[in-house]
Amino acid sequence: MADLHLAVRPGADTFLLGALLATLVRSDRIDHAFIQEHTIGFAEVRQALLNIPVEEWAAAADISIADLERCAAMIVAAKAMVVRVELGIQQGINSTLNSYLEKLLIMLSGNFGRKGTNQLHSWLQPLWGNSPNQTFAPTGDAIIGGLLPPNIFPEAVLKDHPDRLRCAWIDSSNPANTAANTEAVERALRSLDLCVVVDVAMTETARLAHYVLPASSQFEKTEFTLFNFEFPTNYFHVRAGVLPPLAGTLPEPEIYTRLAIALGLLPGDNVLAPLREAARRSRAEFAVAFRAFIAENPSIGAVPALVLYHTLGQTLPDGTAAAAPLWSAALACAKRSPQAVRRAIGASDEVADHQLGDLLFDTIVATRQGTAVTRHDYDEVWSLISHSDRKVRLVVPQMLEWLARLDPQAAGAPKEFPFMLAAGGRRMFNANQIFRDPAWRREDPDGAMLINSSDLSELGAKDGDWIAVESVVGRLVVRCKVDDAMRNGQLALPHGYGQAYPTSDGERLINGPRINLLTESGNRDPIAGTPYHKNVAVRLALVSAHEAAAYQSQSERIHMRAAGQ
């Protein structure tokens, strides 16, 4: 469907983006009026881009100058352009720099803030906070948005440092299968003084924990679906449970309630009952009472969500008590973007501004099919920029320094590991790292590795054979599948496989490759700590007839068992 496909060399996205930007700047095919009105720092960025040797960088990306020029011409000719990126460059080499360069492409071409272009988005509740210039002492990694990348977990636990991690609380996550370097993650989990897992399944991580707290499934509790990356309209969806929880399981709010009570963080019902009664009488009365309660009890500030769950939540319909913490988020959203909220929920002029947040909250809770929470006019996108002058800062010193250091001669895979593996991708019948009955995988039952036919032939193997994939940290035996859409030297394995699925008789069967046996936790972005899952250097090797037969037998057994045979 594409008019132009730039089949970039794996791991060379930065060189393609840099060469493209340099081409646009050298030929002065940029939107000067937009840059002048909406940005700061163009002169410095321009000079940095002019320093890029376009021919060398294009060669490193394996893109012809003719295709590069054609791409630049298409950008200039387009009335509007949208840049969309996915995990290919977000989990590839130079991932943070890639993100910076694609933002520069948006800005320098003027494709921002109007219909058909890139936009910022509003939000009901931010997914992260602000943590400037903070680092995690044991590893020296930056704390970004109040968060640490999970990729550093093995180091954070195993490093000899007084502040190393000694305890882990893991909720609805399976790092023993999803984080880079499975062997190191498992070793770290075993080394913890305390590990608690809250999950709906006995995952690989759960099996290594000291305590497992079984949670109810998504069909048995209130959950949210947040579509929070869209402009001009954003949506929020509260889903109520449709089945009673299985015996021995609890929804997460109940798990955390019991923990808070045991720790003395949550007061008894005699203290919370007056707040609950205030909520039943009037939302305005409850708001006054709740704020006074938090002010008078500062220690409660650690668990305000649980207080809302046990007070306001008990007045909500259809078992949606777990949605109560959204109340404060709805109030903040309405205060921040009142006109956008009014448009989204159709609030009349009779609704005063101070009533808008409560109306938004009630609409979210009551609307089972989901509801729009904000709907903006296009010129309002500039109000979402945090700077007081509403202008975009083009200069990020760390990025420009990084750009200047890049060496196109270093692009490509090392000789001892000549293939570049994209470890993890969505395919039919798999979706991320969730438990999936192997019987559902009617296609690609073994999570086959995609490989170009010439690479497979040179190895001396054929389509469907079992072959070994080796990295600096591990080895996998996988089924191979010819796909000539893959470049020579490029491989791809899916995620969603490699988990031990329990059978009805209690046996656990591992279906497909545990891809993170091949990934290395130190192979990550130097700023964000993002794992380079899409650029794992590997080599291939034939396996013995005996080993191939063993894997074939295991595959047949798994899928016969899954099919109930």
Protein backbone atom coordinates (compact mmCIF):
# COMPACT_ATOMS: atom_id res chain seq x y z
CA MET A 1 0.00 0.00 0.00
CA ALA A 2 2.93 2.36 0.60
CA ASP A 3 4.15 4.70 -2.13
CA LEU A 4 7.67 4.42 -0.76
CA HIS A 5 9.18 1.80 1.53
CA LEU A 6 12.57 2.60 2.99
CA ALA A 7 13.85 -0.83 4.06
CA VAL A 8 16.36 0.45 6.57
CA ARG A 9 19.21 -1.72 7.83
CA PRO A 10 18.23 -3.13 11.24
CA GLY A 11 19.51 -0.82 13.96
CA ALA A 12 20.25 2.06 11.57
CA ASP A 13 17.05 4.08 12.05
CA THR A 14 19.02 6.99 13.51
CA PHE A 15 21.15 7.30 10.39
CA LEU A 16 18.07 7.32 8.16
CA LEU A 17 16.29 9.97 10.25
CA GLY A 18 19.41 12.10 10.53
CA ALA A 19 20.16 11.90 6.81
CA LEU A 20 16.56 12.80 5.97
CA LEU A 21 16.56 15.82 8.29
CA ALA A 22 19.93 16.97 6.94
CA THR A 23 18.61 16.67 3.39
CA LEU A 24 15.60 18.85 4.21
CA VAL A 25 17.74 21.48 5.96
CA ARG A 26 20.47 21.58 3.27
CA SER A 27 17.89 22.18 0.54
CA ASP A 28 15.98 24.62 2.75
CA ARG A 29 12.77 22.63 2.41
CA ILE A 30 11.49 23.40 5.89
CA ASP A 31 8.60 25.46 7.23
CA HIS A 32 10.30 28.67 8.38
CA ALA A 33 7.04 30.42 9.27
CA PHE A 34 5.99 27.56 11.57
CA ILE A 35 9.45 27.33 13.12
CA GLN A 36 9.53 31.06 13.82
CA GLU A 37 6.06 31.15 15.37
CA HIS A 38 6.05 27.96 17.39
CA THR A 39 9.62 26.92 18.28
CA ILE A 40 12.80 28.08 20.01
CA GLY A 41 16.38 27.02 19.26
CA PHE A 42 16.27 26.35 15.52
CA ALA A 43 19.66 27.88 14.71
CA GLU A 44 21.54 25.44 16.94
CA VAL A 45 19.57 22.46 15.67
CA ARG A 46 20.10 23.56 12.06
CA GLN A 47 23.87 23.64 12.50
CA ALA A 48 23.89 20.20 14.11
CA LEU A 49 21.95 18.79 11.15
CA LEU A 50 24.18 20.52 8.60
CA ASN A 51 27.15 18.71 10.18
CA ILE A 52 25.68 15.32 9.21
CA PRO A 53 27.48 13.67 6.24
CA VAL A 54 24.35 12.65 4.34
CA GLU A 55 25.98 10.19 1.95
CA GLU A 56 27.73 8.29 4.73
CA TRP A 57 24.64 8.15 6.90
CA ALA A 58 22.42 7.03 4.02
CA ALA A 59 24.92 4.27 3.23
CA ALA A 60 24.92 3.19 6.89
CA ALA A 61 21.12 2.93 6.71
CA ASP A 62 21.40 1.14 3.34
CA ILE A 63 19.09 3.70 1.72
CA SER A 64 19.92 5.20 -1.66
CA ILE A 65 20.29 8.96 -2.05
CA ALA A 66 17.59 8.81 -4.75
CA ASP A 67 15.09 7.26 -2.30
CA LEU A 68 16.11 9.72 0.38
CA GLU A 69 15.47 12.64 -2.00
CA ARG A 70 12.17 11.13 -3.06
CA CYS A 71 11.08 10.87 0.58
CA ALA A 72 12.07 14.49 1.24
CA ALA A 73 10.11 15.63 -1.82
CA MET A 74 7.02 13.71 -0.68
CA ILE A 75 7.16 15.37 2.75
CA VAL A 76 7.39 18.83 1.21
CA ALA A 77 4.59 18.15 -1.28
CA ALA A 78 2.18 16.75 1.31
CA LYS A 79 -0.53 19.08 2.61
CA ALA A 80 -0.31 17.24 5.92
CA MET A 81 1.86 14.48 7.33
CA VAL A 82 1.68 12.27 10.40
CA VAL A 83 4.72 10.54 11.86
CA ARG A 84 3.85 7.31 13.66
CA VAL A 85 6.42 5.16 15.38
CA GLU A 86 6.22 1.80 17.08
CA LEU A 87 8.46 -0.49 19.03
CA GLY A 88 10.79 -1.00 16.08
CA ILE A 89 12.62 2.24 16.83
CA GLN A 90 11.44 2.63 20.43
CA GLN A 91 13.19 -0.60 21.40
CA GLY A 92 16.00 -0.33 18.89
CA ILE A 93 19.51 1.09 19.00
CA ASN A 94 19.62 4.81 19.93
CA SER A 95 15.93 4.68 20.90
CA THR A 96 15.79 8.00 22.78
CA LEU A 97 17.70 9.76 20.02
CA ASN A 98 15.33 8.21 17.46
CA SER A 99 12.38 9.68 19.36
CA TYR A 100 14.04 13.10 19.38
CA LEU A 101 14.77 13.02 15.65
CA GLU A 102 11.25 12.03 14.68
CA LYS A 103 9.96 14.96 16.76
CA LEU A 104 12.36 17.25 14.90
CA LEU A 105 11.01 15.93 11.61
CA ILE A 106 7.50 16.84 12.72
CA MET A 107 8.49 20.33 13.83
CA LEU A 108 10.82 21.36 11.02
CA SER A 109 8.27 20.30 8.42
CA GLY A 110 5.49 22.17 10.26
CA ASN A 111 3.33 19.09 10.62
CA PHE A 112 1.98 19.74 14.08
CA GLY A 113 -1.11 21.29 15.59
CA ARG A 114 -3.50 21.14 12.63
CA LYS A 115 -5.82 18.53 11.16
CA GLY A 116 -4.03 15.59 9.62
CA THR A 117 -0.79 16.18 11.52
CA ASN A 118 0.73 15.15 14.83
CA GLN A 119 -0.81 16.47 18.03
CA LEU A 120 -0.39 16.50 21.75
CA HIS A 121 -3.22 15.04 23.78
CA SER A 122 -5.04 15.86 26.96
CA TRP A 123 -5.52 13.26 29.68
CA LEU A 124 -7.90 12.29 32.43
CA GLN A 125 -5.05 11.41 34.75
CA PRO A 126 -1.31 11.53 34.01
CA LEU A 127 0.41 8.17 33.74
CA TRP A 128 3.63 9.49 35.25
CA GLY A 129 4.97 12.32 37.36
CA ASN A 130 7.94 14.65 37.16
CA SER A 131 11.33 13.62 38.52
CA PRO A 132 14.02 15.90 37.04
CA ASN A 133 17.66 15.08 37.67
CA GLN A 134 16.89 12.07 39.86
CA THR A 135 18.92 8.88 39.64
CA PHE A 136 18.74 5.43 41.17
CA ALA A 137 21.91 5.13 43.24
CA PRO A 138 22.67 1.38 42.89
CA THR A 139 22.83 1.53 39.09
CA GLY A 140 23.14 5.23 38.30
CA ASP A 141 20.15 5.10 35.96
CA ALA A 142 17.91 8.12 35.53
CA ILE A 143 14.48 8.13 37.17
CA ILE A 144 12.21 9.41 34.40
CA GLY A 145 8.65 10.41 35.12
CA GLY A 146 8.99 8.92 38.60
CA LEU A 147 9.73 5.52 37.09
CA LEU A 148 12.69 3.21 36.58
CA PRO A 149 12.98 0.99 33.51
CA PRO A 150 12.28 -2.66 34.38
CA ASN A 151 15.32 -3.59 32.35
CA ILE A 152 17.61 -2.61 35.21
CA PHE A 153 15.94 -4.96 37.70
CA PRO A 154 18.69 -7.62 37.81
CA GLU A 155 21.36 -5.00 38.51
CA ALA A 156 19.16 -3.21 41.04
CA VAL A 157 18.90 -6.43 43.05
CA LEU A 158 22.24 -8.16 42.48
CA LYS A 159 24.62 -5.22 42.61
CA ASP A 160 26.70 -4.87 45.77
CA HIS A 161 25.29 -1.55 46.94
CA PRO A 162 23.78 -0.55 50.31
CA ASP A 163 20.63 0.72 48.58
CA ARG A 164 20.10 -2.26 46.31
CA LEU A 165 16.58 -3.62 46.02
CA ARG A 166 15.79 -6.24 48.63
CA CYS A 167 12.02 -6.51 48.25
CA ALA A 168 9.73 -6.50 45.23
CA TRP A 169 5.96 -6.19 44.97
CA ILE A 170 4.91 -7.29 41.48
CA ASP A 171 1.34 -6.68 40.34
CA SER A 172 0.00 -8.11 37.07
CA SER A 173 3.43 -8.49 35.54
CA ASN A 174 5.69 -11.37 34.65
CA PRO A 175 9.27 -10.04 34.43
CA ALA A 176 10.69 -13.57 34.57
CA ASN A 177 9.37 -13.92 31.04
CA THR A 178 9.07 -10.36 29.74
CA ALA A 179 12.17 -8.52 30.98
CA ALA A 180 15.52 -8.76 29.23
CA ASN A 181 17.91 -11.54 30.25
CA THR A 182 15.62 -14.16 31.74
CA GLU A 183 18.43 -15.97 33.54
CA ALA A 184 19.54 -12.80 35.36
CA VAL A 185 15.96 -11.83 36.23
CA GLU A 186 15.27 -15.25 37.73
CA ARG A 187 18.49 -15.07 39.71
CA ALA A 188 17.51 -11.64 41.02
CA LEU A 189 14.04 -12.81 42.02
CA ARG A 190 15.53 -15.73 43.95
CA SER A 191 17.91 -13.33 45.74
CA LEU A 192 15.22 -11.02 47.14
CA ASP A 193 14.50 -10.99 50.85
CA LEU A 194 10.81 -10.70 50.02
CA CYS A 195 8.92 -11.08 46.76
CA VAL A 196 5.11 -10.77 46.56
CA VAL A 197 3.16 -11.30 43.35
CA VAL A 198 -0.44 -10.28 42.70
CA ASP A 199 -1.74 -11.95 39.55
CA VAL A 200 -4.53 -13.97 37.98
CA ALA A 201 -2.23 -16.84 37.01
CA MET A 202 0.68 -18.77 38.45
CA THR A 203 3.25 -17.15 36.18
CA GLU A 204 6.97 -17.83 35.96
CA THR A 205 7.47 -14.87 38.29
CA ALA A 206 4.79 -16.03 40.71
CA ARG A 207 6.47 -19.44 40.99
CA LEU A 208 9.61 -17.69 42.27
CA ALA A 209 7.79 -15.46 44.79
CA HIS A 210 7.56 -15.93 48.54
CA TYR A 211 3.86 -15.07 48.49
CA VAL A 212 1.28 -15.13 45.71
CA LEU A 213 -1.97 -13.21 46.18
CA PRO A 214 -4.49 -14.50 43.61
CA ALA A 215 -6.46 -11.73 41.93
CA SER A 216 -9.84 -12.02 40.28
CA SER A 217 -9.90 -12.07 36.49
CA GLN A 218 -10.93 -9.22 34.22
CA PHE A 219 -14.44 -10.72 33.98
CA GLU A 220 -14.91 -10.61 37.74
CA LYS A 221 -14.04 -7.03 38.70
CA THR A 222 -14.19 -3.41 37.62
CA GLU A 223 -11.43 -2.45 35.21
CA PHE A 224 -10.58 0.54 33.03
CA THR A 225 -9.65 0.82 29.39
CA LEU A 226 -7.87 4.10 28.83
CA PHE A 227 -7.56 5.44 25.30
CA ASN A 228 -5.45 8.37 26.27
CA PHE A 229 -3.24 9.13 23.31
CA GLU A 230 -5.66 10.67 20.85
CA PHE A 231 -6.48 14.15 19.62
CA PRO A 232 -8.90 15.87 19.40
CA THR A 233 -11.04 13.37 21.35
CA ASN A 234 -9.99 11.16 24.23
CA TYR A 235 -12.01 8.32 25.71
CA PHE A 236 -12.26 6.42 28.98
CA HIS A 237 -14.07 3.15 29.58
CA VAL A 238 -15.10 1.65 32.92
CA ARG A 239 -16.03 -2.03 32.67
CA ALA A 240 -17.97 -3.69 35.46
CA GLY A 241 -17.49 -7.37 36.24
CA VAL A 242 -19.96 -9.84 34.78
CA LEU A 243 -19.15 -12.89 36.94
CA PRO A 244 -18.60 -13.42 40.66
CA PRO A 245 -14.93 -13.89 41.66
CA LEU A 246 -13.63 -17.43 41.85
CA ALA A 247 -13.24 -18.85 45.33
CA GLY A 248 -9.94 -17.86 46.86
CA THR A 249 -9.46 -14.76 44.68
CA LEU A 250 -10.06 -11.09 45.38
CA PRO A 251 -10.21 -7.93 43.26
CA GLU A 252 -7.07 -5.84 43.75
CA PRO A 253 -8.83 -3.11 45.77
CA GLU A 254 -9.77 -5.72 48.36
CA ILE A 255 -6.24 -7.12 48.40
CA TYR A 256 -4.78 -3.68 49.04
CA THR A 257 -7.48 -2.84 51.57
CA ARG A 258 -6.60 -5.86 53.70
CA LEU A 259 -2.92 -5.01 53.44
CA ALA A 260 -3.52 -1.36 54.42
CA ILE A 261 -5.60 -2.43 57.43
CA ALA A 262 -2.92 -4.90 58.53
CA LEU A 263 -0.31 -2.14 58.28
CA GLY A 264 -2.48 0.32 60.17
CA LEU A 265 -2.71 2.68 57.20
CA LEU A 266 -6.47 2.56 56.75
CA PRO A 267 -8.83 3.55 59.57
CA GLY A 268 -11.73 1.40 60.66
CA ASP A 269 -15.26 1.65 59.38
CA ASN A 270 -16.26 3.73 62.38
CA VAL A 271 -14.01 6.48 60.99
CA LEU A 272 -14.95 6.06 57.34
CA ALA A 273 -18.72 5.69 57.83
CA PRO A 274 -19.40 9.45 58.19
CA LEU A 275 -17.65 10.09 54.88
CA ARG A 276 -19.72 7.37 53.24
CA GLU A 277 -22.93 8.90 54.54
CA ALA A 278 -21.88 12.33 53.30
CA ALA A 279 -21.32 10.80 49.83
CA ARG A 280 -24.83 9.33 49.86
CA ARG A 281 -26.37 12.70 50.75
CA SER A 282 -24.50 15.01 48.39
CA ARG A 283 -21.38 14.99 46.25
CA ALA A 284 -20.66 18.60 47.29
CA GLU A 285 -20.96 17.67 50.97
CA PHE A 286 -18.67 14.69 50.41
CA ALA A 287 -16.04 16.86 48.69
CA VAL A 288 -15.87 19.21 51.67
CA ALA A 289 -15.77 16.32 54.14
CA PHE A 290 -13.17 14.34 52.21
CA ARG A 291 -10.76 17.26 51.89
CA ALA A 292 -11.12 18.07 55.55
CA PHE A 293 -10.54 14.42 56.45
CA ILE A 294 -7.30 14.25 54.41
CA ALA A 295 -6.08 17.54 55.91
CA GLU A 296 -6.76 16.32 59.44
CA ASN A 297 -5.22 12.90 58.83
CA PRO A 298 -2.01 13.46 56.83
CA SER A 299 -0.95 9.84 57.28
CA ILE A 300 -3.97 8.82 55.21
CA GLY A 301 -2.40 10.59 52.25
CA ALA A 302 -0.60 7.36 51.41
CA VAL A 303 -3.85 5.56 50.59
CA PRO A 304 -6.40 8.16 49.41
CA ALA A 305 -7.56 5.80 46.65
CA LEU A 306 -8.59 3.19 49.24
CA VAL A 307 -10.41 5.83 51.28
CA LEU A 308 -12.39 6.81 48.19
CA TYR A 309 -13.04 3.14 47.41
CA HIS A 310 -14.55 2.57 50.87
CA THR A 311 -16.56 5.78 50.99
CA LEU A 312 -17.58 7.27 47.66
CA GLY A 313 -17.17 3.88 46.02
CA GLN A 314 -19.90 2.29 48.12
CA THR A 315 -22.41 4.74 46.62
CA LEU A 316 -21.61 3.90 42.98
CA PRO A 317 -23.87 1.68 40.84
CA ASP A 318 -23.41 -1.87 39.56
CA GLY A 319 -20.44 -2.86 41.65
CA THR A 320 -18.18 -0.12 40.27
CA ALA A 321 -16.72 0.90 43.65
CA ALA A 322 -13.21 0.46 42.27
CA ALA A 323 -13.84 3.42 39.97
CA ALA A 324 -14.09 5.83 42.93
CA PRO A 325 -10.43 7.02 42.71
CA LEU A 326 -11.26 8.43 39.27
CA TRP A 327 -13.34 11.12 40.99
CA SER A 328 -10.36 13.31 41.88
CA ALA A 329 -8.93 12.80 38.38
CA ALA A 330 -12.24 13.87 36.80
CA LEU A 331 -12.32 17.02 38.95
CA ALA A 332 -8.76 17.90 37.91
CA CYS A 333 -9.47 17.22 34.24
CA ALA A 334 -12.55 19.45 34.25
CA LYS A 335 -10.63 22.23 35.97
CA ARG A 336 -7.75 21.94 33.50
CA SER A 337 -9.80 21.71 30.26
CA PRO A 338 -13.37 22.85 30.99
CA GLN A 339 -14.41 23.58 27.42
CA ALA A 340 -12.99 20.32 26.11
CA VAL A 341 -14.86 18.40 28.83
CA ARG A 342 -18.11 20.27 28.09
CA ARG A 343 -17.90 19.33 24.42
CA ALA A 344 -17.07 15.70 25.22
CA ILE A 345 -19.98 15.01 27.57
CA GLY A 346 -22.45 17.47 26.09
CA ALA A 347 -22.79 19.55 29.28
CA SER A 348 -25.32 22.35 28.99
CA ASP A 349 -24.65 25.96 29.94
CA GLU A 350 -26.73 25.33 33.05
CA VAL A 351 -23.91 23.19 34.45
CA ALA A 352 -21.59 25.47 36.40
CA ASP A 353 -17.82 25.03 36.11
CA HIS A 354 -17.57 23.73 39.67
CA GLN A 355 -20.13 21.02 38.84
CA LEU A 356 -18.42 19.89 35.66
CA GLY A 357 -15.96 17.47 37.28
CA ASP A 358 -18.69 15.59 39.13
CA LEU A 359 -20.75 15.35 35.95
CA LEU A 360 -17.73 13.99 34.07
CA PHE A 361 -17.11 11.41 36.78
CA ASP A 362 -20.73 10.27 36.87
CA THR A 363 -20.76 10.01 33.08
CA ILE A 364 -17.62 7.86 33.07
CA VAL A 365 -19.01 5.49 35.71
CA ALA A 366 -22.48 5.20 34.21
CA THR A 367 -21.61 4.79 30.52
CA ARG A 368 -20.91 1.13 29.92
CA GLN A 369 -19.74 1.51 26.34
CA GLY A 370 -17.14 4.11 27.31
CA THR A 371 -17.32 7.85 26.96
CA ALA A 372 -15.36 10.76 25.55
CA VAL A 373 -13.75 12.76 28.37
CA THR A 374 -12.21 15.62 26.35
CA ARG A 375 -12.88 16.95 22.85
CA HIS A 376 -10.64 19.79 21.69
CA ASP A 377 -10.64 22.28 18.88
CA TYR A 378 -7.45 22.01 16.86
CA ASP A 379 -6.09 25.40 17.89
CA GLU A 380 -6.28 24.30 21.53
CA VAL A 381 -3.35 21.93 21.04
CA TRP A 382 -0.96 24.79 21.88
CA SER A 383 -2.51 25.11 25.33
CA LEU A 384 -1.26 21.59 26.07
CA ILE A 385 2.39 22.72 25.84
CA SER A 386 3.65 23.28 29.36
CA HIS A 387 5.91 26.27 28.65
CA SER A 388 4.28 29.62 29.42
CA ASP A 389 5.06 30.92 25.91
CA ARG A 390 3.50 27.73 24.40
CA LYS A 391 6.56 27.20 22.21
CA VAL A 392 8.44 23.95 21.57
CA ARG A 393 12.09 23.81 22.70
CA LEU A 394 13.98 22.22 19.81
CA VAL A 395 17.34 22.04 21.58
CA VAL A 396 17.95 19.12 23.92
CA PRO A 397 21.70 19.32 24.63
CA GLN A 398 22.14 15.62 25.44
CA MET A 399 20.52 14.70 22.13
CA LEU A 400 22.66 17.02 20.03
CA GLU A 401 25.81 15.76 21.76
CA TRP A 402 24.71 12.18 21.12
CA LEU A 403 24.00 13.00 17.47
CA ALA A 404 27.50 14.43 17.03
CA ARG A 405 29.11 11.27 18.46
CA LEU A 406 27.44 8.81 16.09
CA ASP A 407 29.77 6.79 13.89
CA PRO A 408 28.20 5.36 10.71
CA GLN A 409 31.09 2.91 10.43
CA ALA A 410 29.85 1.23 13.61
CA ALA A 411 26.44 0.39 12.15
CA GLY A 412 25.67 -3.28 11.60
CA ALA A 413 26.03 -6.53 13.52
CA PRO A 414 29.36 -7.72 15.01
CA LYS A 415 31.23 -10.45 13.11
CA GLU A 416 30.85 -13.08 15.83
CA PHE A 417 27.07 -12.51 15.92
CA PRO A 418 26.24 -11.55 12.32
CA PHE A 419 22.43 -11.66 12.49
CA MET A 420 20.19 -8.97 13.97
CA LEU A 421 17.15 -10.40 15.75
CA ALA A 422 13.93 -8.50 16.44
CA ALA A 423 12.95 -10.23 19.66
CA GLY A 424 9.24 -9.77 20.13
CA GLY A 425 6.44 -8.94 17.72
CA ARG A 426 2.69 -9.39 17.46
CA ARG A 427 1.39 -12.13 15.23
CA MET A 428 -1.90 -13.84 14.68
CA PHE A 429 -3.09 -15.68 17.81
CA ASN A 430 -0.68 -14.00 20.18
CA ALA A 431 -0.82 -10.70 22.02
CA ASN A 432 2.04 -9.61 24.21
CA GLN A 433 3.00 -11.80 27.16
CA ILE A 434 -0.38 -13.07 28.30
CA PHE A 435 -1.34 -16.63 29.09
CA ARG A 436 -2.75 -18.15 25.97
CA ASP A 437 -4.05 -21.69 25.57
CA PRO A 438 -1.76 -23.30 22.94
CA ALA A 439 -4.92 -24.65 21.24
CA TRP A 440 -5.74 -21.09 20.19
CA ARG A 441 -2.59 -20.91 18.10
CA ARG A 442 -3.93 -22.57 14.98
CA GLU A 443 -1.38 -20.71 12.93
CA ASP A 444 2.28 -20.39 13.89
CA PRO A 445 1.83 -22.82 16.82
CA ASP A 446 5.54 -22.84 17.66
CA GLY A 447 6.24 -19.11 17.34
CA ALA A 448 8.55 -19.69 14.38
CA MET A 449 11.51 -17.46 13.61
CA LEU A 450 11.18 -15.56 10.34
CA ILE A 451 14.26 -15.68 8.11
CA ASN A 452 15.16 -14.81 4.54
CA SER A 453 15.37 -17.87 2.28
CA SER A 454 18.95 -17.15 1.17
CA ASP A 455 20.16 -16.91 4.78
CA LEU A 456 18.44 -20.19 5.60
CA SER A 457 19.87 -21.91 2.53
CA GLU A 458 23.38 -20.68 3.34
CA LEU A 459 23.00 -22.21 6.79
CA GLY A 460 22.13 -25.52 5.17
CA ALA A 461 18.60 -25.67 6.56
CA LYS A 462 15.13 -25.55 5.04
CA ASP A 463 11.74 -24.11 5.85
CA GLY A 464 10.27 -25.65 9.01
CA ASP A 465 13.58 -26.99 10.37
CA TRP A 466 14.60 -26.58 13.99
CA ILE A 467 17.74 -24.42 14.36
CA ALA A 468 19.69 -22.91 17.24
CA VAL A 469 19.84 -19.17 17.92
CA GLU A 470 22.69 -18.02 20.16
CA SER A 471 23.41 -14.64 21.75
CA VAL A 472 26.01 -13.50 24.28
CA VAL A 473 23.71 -14.59 27.14
CA GLY A 474 21.71 -17.57 25.94
CA ARG A 475 20.58 -20.14 23.41
CA LEU A 476 17.21 -21.12 21.97
CA VAL A 477 16.15 -23.84 19.56
CA VAL A 478 13.35 -22.57 17.35
CA ARG A 479 11.41 -23.60 14.29
CA CYS A 480 12.26 -21.45 11.28
CA LYS A 481 9.90 -20.07 8.67
CA VAL A 482 10.97 -18.57 5.35
CA ASP A 483 9.83 -14.99 4.82
CA ASP A 484 11.56 -13.10 2.02
CA ALA A 485 10.11 -9.84 3.29
CA MET A 486 12.95 -10.09 5.82
CA ARG A 487 16.25 -8.50 4.86
CA ASN A 488 19.35 -10.64 4.65
CA GLY A 489 20.85 -10.76 8.11
CA GLN A 490 17.53 -9.94 9.80
CA LEU A 491 15.49 -12.32 11.97
CA ALA A 492 12.25 -12.01 13.92
CA LEU A 493 10.69 -13.95 16.80
CA PRO A 494 7.26 -13.24 18.35
CA HIS A 495 6.45 -12.49 21.94
CA GLY A 496 3.55 -14.10 23.75
CA TYR A 497 5.18 -17.53 23.73
CA GLY A 498 7.49 -19.38 26.11
CA GLN A 499 5.20 -19.48 29.13
CA ALA A 500 4.45 -22.63 31.05
CA TYR A 501 0.78 -23.33 30.41
CA PRO A 502 -0.95 -25.59 32.96
CA THR A 503 -2.87 -28.60 31.69
CA SER A 504 -5.92 -30.16 33.31
CA ASP A 505 -3.77 -32.86 34.94
CA GLY A 506 -1.37 -30.37 36.50
CA GLU A 507 1.48 -30.62 34.03
CA ARG A 508 3.02 -27.36 32.74
CA LEU A 509 3.91 -27.20 29.06
CA ILE A 510 6.20 -24.54 27.60
CA ASN A 511 4.94 -23.51 24.18
CA GLY A 512 7.33 -21.67 21.89
CA PRO A 513 10.47 -19.62 22.48
CA ARG A 514 11.30 -17.76 25.70
CA ILE A 515 12.81 -14.92 23.70
CA ASN A 516 14.36 -13.13 26.66
CA LEU A 517 16.76 -15.98 27.19
CA LEU A 518 18.56 -14.28 24.28
CA THR A 519 18.31 -10.63 25.34
CA GLU A 520 20.85 -8.89 27.53
CA SER A 521 19.79 -6.37 30.17
CA GLY A 522 22.87 -4.21 29.61
CA ASN A 523 21.97 -3.78 25.94
CA ARG A 524 19.79 -0.75 26.53
CA ASP A 525 19.33 2.93 25.83
CA PRO A 526 21.84 5.01 27.84
CA ILE A 527 19.25 7.60 28.90
CA ALA A 528 15.84 5.91 29.14
CA GLY A 529 17.12 2.41 29.87
CA THR A 530 14.87 1.02 27.14
CA PRO A 531 15.89 -2.50 26.18
CA TYR A 532 17.15 -3.00 22.62
CA HIS A 533 14.79 -5.91 22.06
CA LYS A 534 14.59 -5.15 18.34
CA ASN A 535 18.34 -5.32 17.85
CA VAL A 536 19.72 -8.46 19.46
CA ALA A 537 22.95 -9.66 17.86
CA VAL A 538 22.82 -13.44 17.36
CA ARG A 539 24.30 -16.27 15.37
CA LEU A 540 22.64 -19.37 13.95
CA ALA A 541 23.70 -23.00 14.11
CA LEU A 542 22.36 -26.34 12.97
CA VAL A 543 21.19 -28.74 15.64
CA SER A 544 21.68 -32.46 15.75
CA ALA A 545 19.02 -34.78 14.41
CA HIS A 546 18.48 -36.00 17.95
CA GLU A 547 17.87 -32.49 19.35
CA ALA A 548 15.60 -31.55 16.44
CA ALA A 549 13.56 -34.71 16.98
CA ALA A 550 13.19 -33.92 20.68
CA TYR A 551 11.85 -30.43 19.94
CA GLN A 552 9.51 -31.78 17.26
CA SER A 553 8.16 -34.37 19.67
CA GLN A 554 7.64 -31.75 22.38
CA SER A 555 5.78 -29.49 19.95
CA GLU A 556 3.48 -32.29 18.82
CA ARG A 557 2.82 -33.30 22.41
CA ILE A 558 1.97 -29.75 23.49
CA HIS A 559 -0.51 -29.23 20.71
CA MET A 560 -2.08 -32.65 21.01
CA ARG A 561 -2.54 -32.01 24.73
CA ALA A 562 -3.92 -28.54 24.04
CA ALA A 563 -6.39 -29.99 21.59
CA GLY A 564 -7.53 -32.51 24.18
CA GLN A 565 -6.13 -35.52 22.32
